[in-house]
Every structure is written in C-alpha cells, then in structure tokens.
PDB file of N, CA and C in Angstrom:
ATOM      1  N   MET A   1      80.333  54.029 245.813  1.00  0.00           N
ATOM      2  CA  MET A   1      78.893  54.100 245.669  1.00  0.00           C
ATOM      3  C   MET A   1      78.254  53.091 246.608  1.00  0.00           C
ATOM      4  N   ALA A   2      77.098  53.425 247.070  1.00  0.00           N
ATOM      5  CA  ALA A   2      76.376  52.539 247.975  1.00  0.00           C
ATOM      6  C   ALA A   2      75.855  51.306 247.254  1.00  0.00           C
ATOM      7  N   GLY A   3      75.564  51.419 245.990  1.00  0.00           N
ATOM      8  CA  GLY A   3      75.119  50.237 245.278  1.00  0.00           C
ATOM      9  C   GLY A   3      74.127  50.524 244.177  1.00  0.00           C
ATOM     10  N   ALA A   4      73.596  49.440 243.686  1.00  0.00           N
ATOM     11  CA  ALA A   4      72.597  49.514 242.627  1.00  0.00           C
ATOM     12  C   ALA A   4      71.378  48.732 243.092  1.00  0.00           C
ATOM     13  N   VAL A   5      70.215  49.274 242.794  1.00  0.00           N
ATOM     14  CA  VAL A   5      68.959  48.598 243.100  1.00  0.00           C
ATOM     15  C   VAL A   5      68.194  48.424 241.799  1.00  0.00           C
ATOM     16  N   ILE A   6      67.337  47.441 241.778  1.00  0.00           N
ATOM     17  CA  ILE A   6      66.579  47.168 240.564  1.00  0.00           C
ATOM     18  C   ILE A   6      65.091  47.332 240.859  1.00  0.00           C
ATOM     19  N   SER A   7      64.403  48.040 239.981  1.00  0.00           N
ATOM     20  CA  SER A   7      62.964  48.237 240.157  1.00  0.00           C
ATOM     21  C   SER A   7      62.239  46.911 239.917  1.00  0.00           C
ATOM     22  N   SER A   8      61.018  46.823 240.407  1.00  0.00           N
ATOM     23  CA  SER A   8      60.253  45.589 240.222  1.00  0.00           C
ATOM     24  C   SER A   8      59.974  45.331 238.742  1.00  0.00           C
ATOM     25  N   ASP A   9      59.713  46.389 237.964  1.00  0.00           N
ATOM     26  CA  ASP A   9      59.495  46.210 236.522  1.00  0.00           C
ATOM     27  C   ASP A   9      60.741  45.653 235.850  1.00  0.00           C
ATOM     28  N   ALA A  10      61.899  46.231 236.174  1.00  0.00           N
ATOM     29  CA  ALA A  10      63.153  45.769 235.576  1.00  0.00           C
ATOM     30  C   ALA A  10      63.449  44.337 236.001  1.00  0.00           C
ATOM     31  N   GLN A  11      63.110  43.973 237.230  1.00  0.00           N
ATOM     32  CA  GLN A  11      63.334  42.600 237.697  1.00  0.00           C
ATOM     33  C   GLN A  11      62.498  41.623 236.886  1.00  0.00           C
ATOM     34  N   GLU A  12      61.247  41.980 236.614  1.00  0.00           N
ATOM     35  CA  GLU A  12      60.387  41.120 235.789  1.00  0.00           C
ATOM     36  C   GLU A  12      60.947  40.991 234.381  1.00  0.00           C
ATOM     37  N   GLN A  13      61.410  42.105 233.808  1.00  0.00           N
ATOM     38  CA  GLN A  13      61.990  42.077 232.472  1.00  0.00           C
ATOM     39  C   GLN A  13      63.232  41.185 232.458  1.00  0.00           C
ATOM     40  N   PHE A  14      64.057  41.301 233.494  1.00  0.00           N
ATOM     41  CA  PHE A  14      65.268  40.495 233.620  1.00  0.00           C
ATOM     42  C   PHE A  14      64.923  39.005 233.682  1.00  0.00           C
ATOM     43  N   GLU A  15      63.945  38.652 234.493  1.00  0.00           N
ATOM     44  CA  GLU A  15      63.569  37.242 234.666  1.00  0.00           C
ATOM     45  C   GLU A  15      63.000  36.629 233.396  1.00  0.00           C
ATOM     46  N   ALA A  16      62.484  37.440 232.489  1.00  0.00           N
ATOM     47  CA  ALA A  16      61.922  36.941 231.237  1.00  0.00           C
ATOM     48  C   ALA A  16      63.001  36.663 230.185  1.00  0.00           C
ATOM     49  N   LEU A  17      64.229  37.098 230.447  1.00  0.00           N
ATOM     50  CA  LEU A  17      65.321  36.910 229.484  1.00  0.00           C
ATOM     51  C   LEU A  17      65.893  35.501 229.571  1.00  0.00           C
ATOM     52  N   PRO A  18      66.511  35.028 228.472  1.00  0.00           N
ATOM     53  CA  PRO A  18      67.198  33.727 228.526  1.00  0.00           C
ATOM     54  C   PRO A  18      68.310  33.757 229.579  1.00  0.00           C
ATOM     55  N   VAL A  19      68.575  32.627 230.192  1.00  0.00           N
ATOM     56  CA  VAL A  19      69.562  32.527 231.274  1.00  0.00           C
ATOM     57  C   VAL A  19      70.932  33.045 230.846  1.00  0.00           C
ATOM     58  N   VAL A  20      71.338  32.762 229.635  1.00  0.00           N
ATOM     59  CA  VAL A  20      72.655  33.205 229.173  1.00  0.00           C
ATOM     60  C   VAL A  20      72.718  34.732 229.094  1.00  0.00           C
ATOM     61  N   ILE A  21      71.642  35.360 228.730  1.00  0.00           N
ATOM     62  CA  ILE A  21      71.581  36.824 228.677  1.00  0.00           C
ATOM     63  C   ILE A  21      71.519  37.381 230.097  1.00  0.00           C
ATOM     64  N   GLN A  22      70.805  36.711 230.989  1.00  0.00           N
ATOM     65  CA  GLN A  22      70.753  37.145 232.389  1.00  0.00           C
ATOM     66  C   GLN A  22      72.159  37.242 232.978  1.00  0.00           C
ATOM     67  N   ALA A  23      73.020  36.290 232.663  1.00  0.00           N
ATOM     68  CA  ALA A  23      74.392  36.317 233.181  1.00  0.00           C
ATOM     69  C   ALA A  23      75.129  37.557 232.680  1.00  0.00           C
ATOM     70  N   ARG A  24      74.934  37.917 231.430  1.00  0.00           N
ATOM     71  CA  ARG A  24      75.581  39.127 230.887  1.00  0.00           C
ATOM     72  C   ARG A  24      75.028  40.384 231.543  1.00  0.00           C
ATOM     73  N   ILE A  25      73.727  40.415 231.760  1.00  0.00           N
ATOM     74  CA  ILE A  25      73.096  41.572 232.387  1.00  0.00           C
ATOM     75  C   ILE A  25      73.587  41.706 233.837  1.00  0.00           C
ATOM     76  N   GLU A  26      73.751  40.603 234.541  1.00  0.00           N
ATOM     77  CA  GLU A  26      74.253  40.660 235.914  1.00  0.00           C
ATOM     78  C   GLU A  26      75.643  41.285 235.973  1.00  0.00           C
ATOM     79  N   LYS A  27      76.468  41.026 234.967  1.00  0.00           N
ATOM     80  CA  LYS A  27      77.789  41.670 234.915  1.00  0.00           C
ATOM     81  C   LYS A  27      77.646  43.174 234.746  1.00  0.00           C
ATOM     82  N   ALA A  28      76.673  43.599 233.950  1.00  0.00           N
ATOM     83  CA  ALA A  28      76.422  45.039 233.787  1.00  0.00           C
ATOM     84  C   ALA A  28      75.970  45.639 235.115  1.00  0.00           C
ATOM     85  N   TYR A  29      75.127  44.918 235.851  1.00  0.00           N
ATOM     86  CA  TYR A  29      74.686  45.390 237.165  1.00  0.00           C
ATOM     87  C   TYR A  29      75.884  45.604 238.084  1.00  0.00           C
ATOM     88  N   SER A  30      76.789  44.643 238.101  1.00  0.00           N
ATOM     89  CA  SER A  30      77.941  44.754 239.002  1.00  0.00           C
ATOM     90  C   SER A  30      78.843  45.925 238.622  1.00  0.00           C
ATOM     91  N   ARG A  31      78.869  46.273 237.342  1.00  0.00           N
ATOM     92  CA  ARG A  31      79.647  47.444 236.917  1.00  0.00           C
ATOM     93  C   ARG A  31      79.097  48.728 237.532  1.00  0.00           C
ATOM     94  N   LEU A  32      77.796  48.784 237.759  1.00  0.00           N
ATOM     95  CA  LEU A  32      77.185  49.980 238.329  1.00  0.00           C
ATOM     96  C   LEU A  32      77.659  50.244 239.756  1.00  0.00           C
ATOM     97  N   GLU A  33      78.167  49.235 240.430  1.00  0.00           N
ATOM     98  CA  GLU A  33      78.700  49.412 241.783  1.00  0.00           C
ATOM     99  C   GLU A  33      79.882  50.386 241.788  1.00  0.00           C
ATOM    100  N   ARG A  34      80.500  50.584 240.641  1.00  0.00           N
ATOM    101  CA  ARG A  34      81.670  51.462 240.547  1.00  0.00           C
ATOM    102  C   ARG A  34      81.323  52.848 240.004  1.00  0.00           C
ATOM    103  N   TRP A  35      80.047  53.198 239.969  1.00  0.00           N
ATOM    104  CA  TRP A  35      79.640  54.502 239.452  1.00  0.00           C
ATOM    105  C   TRP A  35      80.371  55.600 240.208  1.00  0.00           C
ATOM    106  N   PRO A  36      80.900  56.617 239.568  1.00  0.00           N
ATOM    107  CA  PRO A  36      80.759  57.010 238.166  1.00  0.00           C
ATOM    108  C   PRO A  36      81.842  56.430 237.251  1.00  0.00           C
ATOM    109  N   ASN A  37      82.661  55.535 237.752  1.00  0.00           N
ATOM    110  CA  ASN A  37      83.734  54.946 236.942  1.00  0.00           C
ATOM    111  C   ASN A  37      83.232  53.724 236.189  1.00  0.00           C
ATOM    112  N   VAL A  38      82.202  53.916 235.388  1.00  0.00           N
ATOM    113  CA  VAL A  38      81.593  52.831 234.617  1.00  0.00           C
ATOM    114  C   VAL A  38      81.856  53.089 233.148  1.00  0.00           C
ATOM    115  N   SER A  39      82.639  52.228 232.540  1.00  0.00           N
ATOM    116  CA  SER A  39      82.902  52.401 231.117  1.00  0.00           C
ATOM    117  C   SER A  39      81.663  52.020 230.317  1.00  0.00           C
ATOM    118  N   GLY A  40      81.395  52.789 229.278  1.00  0.00           N
ATOM    119  CA  GLY A  40      80.296  52.477 228.386  1.00  0.00           C
ATOM    120  C   GLY A  40      78.942  53.027 228.790  1.00  0.00           C
ATOM    121  N   ALA A  41      78.826  53.683 229.935  1.00  0.00           N
ATOM    122  CA  ALA A  41      77.546  54.280 230.322  1.00  0.00           C
ATOM    123  C   ALA A  41      77.326  55.520 229.470  1.00  0.00           C
ATOM    124  N   LYS A  42      76.183  55.576 228.840  1.00  0.00           N
ATOM    125  CA  LYS A  42      75.887  56.690 227.944  1.00  0.00           C
ATOM    126  C   LYS A  42      74.692  57.468 228.483  1.00  0.00           C
ATOM    127  N   PRO A  43      74.831  58.796 228.614  1.00  0.00           N
ATOM    128  CA  PRO A  43      73.670  59.583 229.041  1.00  0.00           C
ATOM    129  C   PRO A  43      72.625  59.624 227.929  1.00  0.00           C
ATOM    130  N   LEU A  44      71.370  59.532 228.317  1.00  0.00           N
ATOM    131  CA  LEU A  44      70.286  59.585 227.352  1.00  0.00           C
ATOM    132  C   LEU A  44      69.783  61.017 227.228  1.00  0.00           C
ATOM    133  N   THR A  45      69.024  61.291 226.191  1.00  0.00           N
ATOM    134  CA  THR A  45      68.583  62.651 225.903  1.00  0.00           C
ATOM    135  C   THR A  45      67.064  62.716 225.767  1.00  0.00           C
ATOM    136  N   ALA A  46      66.573  63.889 225.449  1.00  0.00           N
ATOM    137  CA  ALA A  46      65.149  64.166 225.220  1.00  0.00           C
ATOM    138  C   ALA A  46      64.320  63.754 226.435  1.00  0.00           C
ATOM    139  N   ASN A  47      63.265  62.955 226.233  1.00  0.00           N
ATOM    140  CA  ASN A  47      62.394  62.596 227.347  1.00  0.00           C
ATOM    141  C   ASN A  47      63.052  61.610 228.315  1.00  0.00           C
ATOM    142  N   LEU A  48      64.240  61.124 227.987  1.00  0.00           N
ATOM    143  CA  LEU A  48      64.974  60.225 228.878  1.00  0.00           C
ATOM    144  C   LEU A  48      66.180  60.911 229.521  1.00  0.00           C
ATOM    145  N   ALA A  49      66.211  62.240 229.444  1.00  0.00           N
ATOM    146  CA  ALA A  49      67.310  62.991 230.050  1.00  0.00           C
ATOM    147  C   ALA A  49      67.385  62.653 231.539  1.00  0.00           C
ATOM    148  N   ALA A  50      68.591  62.710 232.089  1.00  0.00           N
ATOM    149  CA  ALA A  50      68.888  62.371 233.487  1.00  0.00           C
ATOM    150  C   ALA A  50      68.915  60.858 233.703  1.00  0.00           C
ATOM    151  N   ARG A  51      68.849  60.110 232.606  1.00  0.00           N
ATOM    152  CA  ARG A  51      68.977  58.653 232.685  1.00  0.00           C
ATOM    153  C   ARG A  51      70.178  58.236 231.847  1.00  0.00           C
ATOM    154  N   TYR A  52      70.629  57.011 232.075  1.00  0.00           N
ATOM    155  CA  TYR A  52      71.780  56.465 231.367  1.00  0.00           C
ATOM    156  C   TYR A  52      71.431  55.078 230.871  1.00  0.00           C
ATOM    157  N   ARG A  53      72.287  54.586 229.972  1.00  0.00           N
ATOM    158  CA  ARG A  53      72.137  53.206 229.533  1.00  0.00           C
ATOM    159  C   ARG A  53      73.498  52.541 229.486  1.00  0.00           C
ATOM    160  N   LEU A  54      73.496  51.256 229.798  1.00  0.00           N
ATOM    161  CA  LEU A  54      74.651  50.388 229.598  1.00  0.00           C
ATOM    162  C   LEU A  54      74.260  49.404 228.520  1.00  0.00           C
ATOM    163  N   ARG A  55      75.206  49.062 227.682  1.00  0.00           N
ATOM    164  CA  ARG A  55      74.950  48.142 226.581  1.00  0.00           C
ATOM    165  C   ARG A  55      75.755  46.879 226.818  1.00  0.00           C
ATOM    166  N   THR A  56      75.143  45.743 226.592  1.00  0.00           N
ATOM    167  CA  THR A  56      75.841  44.475 226.571  1.00  0.00           C
ATOM    168  C   THR A  56      75.308  43.704 225.369  1.00  0.00           C
ATOM    169  N   GLY A  57      76.069  43.723 224.292  1.00  0.00           N
ATOM    170  CA  GLY A  57      75.599  43.127 223.045  1.00  0.00           C
ATOM    171  C   GLY A  57      74.369  43.860 222.548  1.00  0.00           C
ATOM    172  N   ASP A  58      73.306  43.112 222.268  1.00  0.00           N
ATOM    173  CA  ASP A  58      72.057  43.700 221.780  1.00  0.00           C
ATOM    174  C   ASP A  58      71.105  44.074 222.905  1.00  0.00           C
ATOM    175  N   TYR A  59      71.542  43.970 224.143  1.00  0.00           N
ATOM    176  CA  TYR A  59      70.681  44.245 225.295  1.00  0.00           C
ATOM    177  C   TYR A  59      71.102  45.532 225.994  1.00  0.00           C
ATOM    178  N   ARG A  60      70.124  46.182 226.621  1.00  0.00           N
ATOM    179  CA  ARG A  60      70.347  47.466 227.271  1.00  0.00           C
ATOM    180  C   ARG A  60      69.840  47.430 228.703  1.00  0.00           C
ATOM    181  N   VAL A  61      70.519  48.209 229.540  1.00  0.00           N
ATOM    182  CA  VAL A  61      70.098  48.430 230.923  1.00  0.00           C
ATOM    183  C   VAL A  61      69.948  49.936 231.082  1.00  0.00           C
ATOM    184  N   GLN A  62      68.749  50.394 231.389  1.00  0.00           N
ATOM    185  CA  GLN A  62      68.495  51.824 231.594  1.00  0.00           C
ATOM    186  C   GLN A  62      68.442  52.084 233.097  1.00  0.00           C
ATOM    187  N   PHE A  63      69.108  53.167 233.529  1.00  0.00           N
ATOM    188  CA  PHE A  63      69.138  53.474 234.954  1.00  0.00           C
ATOM    189  C   PHE A  63      69.261  54.971 235.175  1.00  0.00           C
ATOM    190  N   HIS A  64      68.988  55.395 236.405  1.00  0.00           N
ATOM    191  CA  HIS A  64      69.238  56.772 236.818  1.00  0.00           C
ATOM    192  C   HIS A  64      69.989  56.721 238.146  1.00  0.00           C
ATOM    193  N   VAL A  65      70.664  57.813 238.453  1.00  0.00           N
ATOM    194  CA  VAL A  65      71.463  57.888 239.674  1.00  0.00           C
ATOM    195  C   VAL A  65      70.943  59.026 240.533  1.00  0.00           C
ATOM    196  N   ARG A  66      70.691  58.726 241.784  1.00  0.00           N
ATOM    197  CA  ARG A  66      70.319  59.752 242.769  1.00  0.00           C
ATOM    198  C   ARG A  66      71.211  59.527 243.982  1.00  0.00           C
ATOM    199  N   GLY A  67      71.944  60.560 244.333  1.00  0.00           N
ATOM    200  CA  GLY A  67      72.883  60.419 245.443  1.00  0.00           C
ATOM    201  C   GLY A  67      73.932  59.387 245.088  1.00  0.00           C
ATOM    202  N   ASP A  68      74.038  58.351 245.899  1.00  0.00           N
ATOM    203  CA  ASP A  68      75.034  57.324 245.631  1.00  0.00           C
ATOM    204  C   ASP A  68      74.399  55.979 245.266  1.00  0.00           C
ATOM    205  N   VAL A  69      73.171  56.025 244.750  1.00  0.00           N
ATOM    206  CA  VAL A  69      72.462  54.796 244.376  1.00  0.00           C
ATOM    207  C   VAL A  69      72.029  54.863 242.917  1.00  0.00           C
ATOM    208  N   ALA A  70      72.370  53.832 242.162  1.00  0.00           N
ATOM    209  CA  ALA A  70      71.900  53.681 240.784  1.00  0.00           C
ATOM    210  C   ALA A  70      70.653  52.808 240.820  1.00  0.00           C
ATOM    211  N   THR A  71      69.577  53.298 240.230  1.00  0.00           N
ATOM    212  CA  THR A  71      68.331  52.538 240.176  1.00  0.00           C
ATOM    213  C   THR A  71      68.115  52.058 238.753  1.00  0.00           C
ATOM    214  N   ILE A  72      68.094  50.754 238.580  1.00  0.00           N
ATOM    215  CA  ILE A  72      67.878  50.140 237.272  1.00  0.00           C
ATOM    216  C   ILE A  72      66.380  50.138 237.011  1.00  0.00           C
ATOM    217  N   GLU A  73      65.989  50.795 235.906  1.00  0.00           N
ATOM    218  CA  GLU A  73      64.578  50.987 235.595  1.00  0.00           C
ATOM    219  C   GLU A  73      64.043  50.050 234.515  1.00  0.00           C
ATOM    220  N   LYS A  74      64.922  49.639 233.625  1.00  0.00           N
ATOM    221  CA  LYS A  74      64.459  48.898 232.457  1.00  0.00           C
ATOM    222  C   LYS A  74      65.588  48.019 231.939  1.00  0.00           C
ATOM    223  N   VAL A  75      65.225  46.828 231.461  1.00  0.00           N
ATOM    224  CA  VAL A  75      66.177  45.874 230.895  1.00  0.00           C
ATOM    225  C   VAL A  75      65.525  45.259 229.670  1.00  0.00           C
ATOM    226  N   GLY A  76      66.268  45.171 228.563  1.00  0.00           N
ATOM    227  CA  GLY A  76      65.676  44.520 227.405  1.00  0.00           C
ATOM    228  C   GLY A  76      66.518  44.587 226.156  1.00  0.00           C
ATOM    229  N   HIS A  77      65.984  43.996 225.104  1.00  0.00           N
ATOM    230  CA  HIS A  77      66.626  43.977 223.792  1.00  0.00           C
ATOM    231  C   HIS A  77      66.549  45.367 223.184  1.00  0.00           C
ATOM    232  N   ARG A  78      67.543  45.699 222.393  1.00  0.00           N
ATOM    233  CA  ARG A  78      67.606  47.059 221.829  1.00  0.00           C
ATOM    234  C   ARG A  78      66.433  47.389 220.924  1.00  0.00           C
ATOM    235  N   ASP A  79      65.845  46.404 220.260  1.00  0.00           N
ATOM    236  CA  ASP A  79      64.687  46.650 219.385  1.00  0.00           C
ATOM    237  C   ASP A  79      63.518  47.151 220.217  1.00  0.00           C
ATOM    238  N   GLY A  80      63.128  48.374 219.994  1.00  0.00           N
ATOM    239  CA  GLY A  80      61.997  48.954 220.705  1.00  0.00           C
ATOM    240  C   GLY A  80      62.296  49.393 222.121  1.00  0.00           C
ATOM    241  N   PHE A  81      63.548  49.307 222.536  1.00  0.00           N
ATOM    242  CA  PHE A  81      63.902  49.603 223.927  1.00  0.00           C
ATOM    243  C   PHE A  81      63.581  51.039 224.307  1.00  0.00           C
ATOM    244  N   TYR A  82      63.890  51.975 223.439  1.00  0.00           N
ATOM    245  CA  TYR A  82      63.705  53.390 223.773  1.00  0.00           C
ATOM    246  C   TYR A  82      62.342  53.919 223.364  1.00  0.00           C
ATOM    247  N   GLY A  83      61.596  53.151 222.577  1.00  0.00           N
ATOM    248  CA  GLY A  83      60.328  53.622 222.058  1.00  0.00           C
ATOM    249  C   GLY A  83      59.162  53.466 223.004  1.00  0.00           C
ATOM    250  N   GLU A  84      59.348  52.749 224.090  1.00  0.00           N
ATOM    251  CA  GLU A  84      58.224  52.504 224.993  1.00  0.00           C
ATOM    252  C   GLU A  84      58.096  53.580 226.034  1.00  0.00           C
TER     253      GLU A  84
END
C-alpha cells in the first residue's frame, strides 16, 4: 500500500487526546500501512458503509480506502463515536 493519510479533522481530534493514547493511536496508524492485511479492521454498515474502523482499547480510528491509500477520517473515544 502507498500509505495512510490523516484528514485535518482527524488530526485535530488526535491532538486533543492524552499523549499516552496518542501513542496507541499511532500504532494503529502504522498498521494501516499493511492494508489489506490489517488485523482487527471491521467494515462499518448503514450510513458508514464503505468505511472501516480499527479499535485500540476504548478508542477508535475510522477510515476509508481508495486505491492504495487509507484516509483516516475520525479518531476518538468509543462513547458517541458512531453517533456523530
């Protein structure tokens, strides 16, 4: 895969997280470099179809894949993550 990119919204969400959580999220980002061989990536459904999520503890990374690039769209705590 060519790589993973992060949207400006997701970058802001990432920067608002505690440093210890940021380190865990960065590991999830690096896993996306191996798409489609990413363990734990779950396809989303309904209005989030064509998107995926990675879980790290209580935090989620939402992304979509086009061609050979994964675009990270959203990062945050599981509470309310899918409701927005």
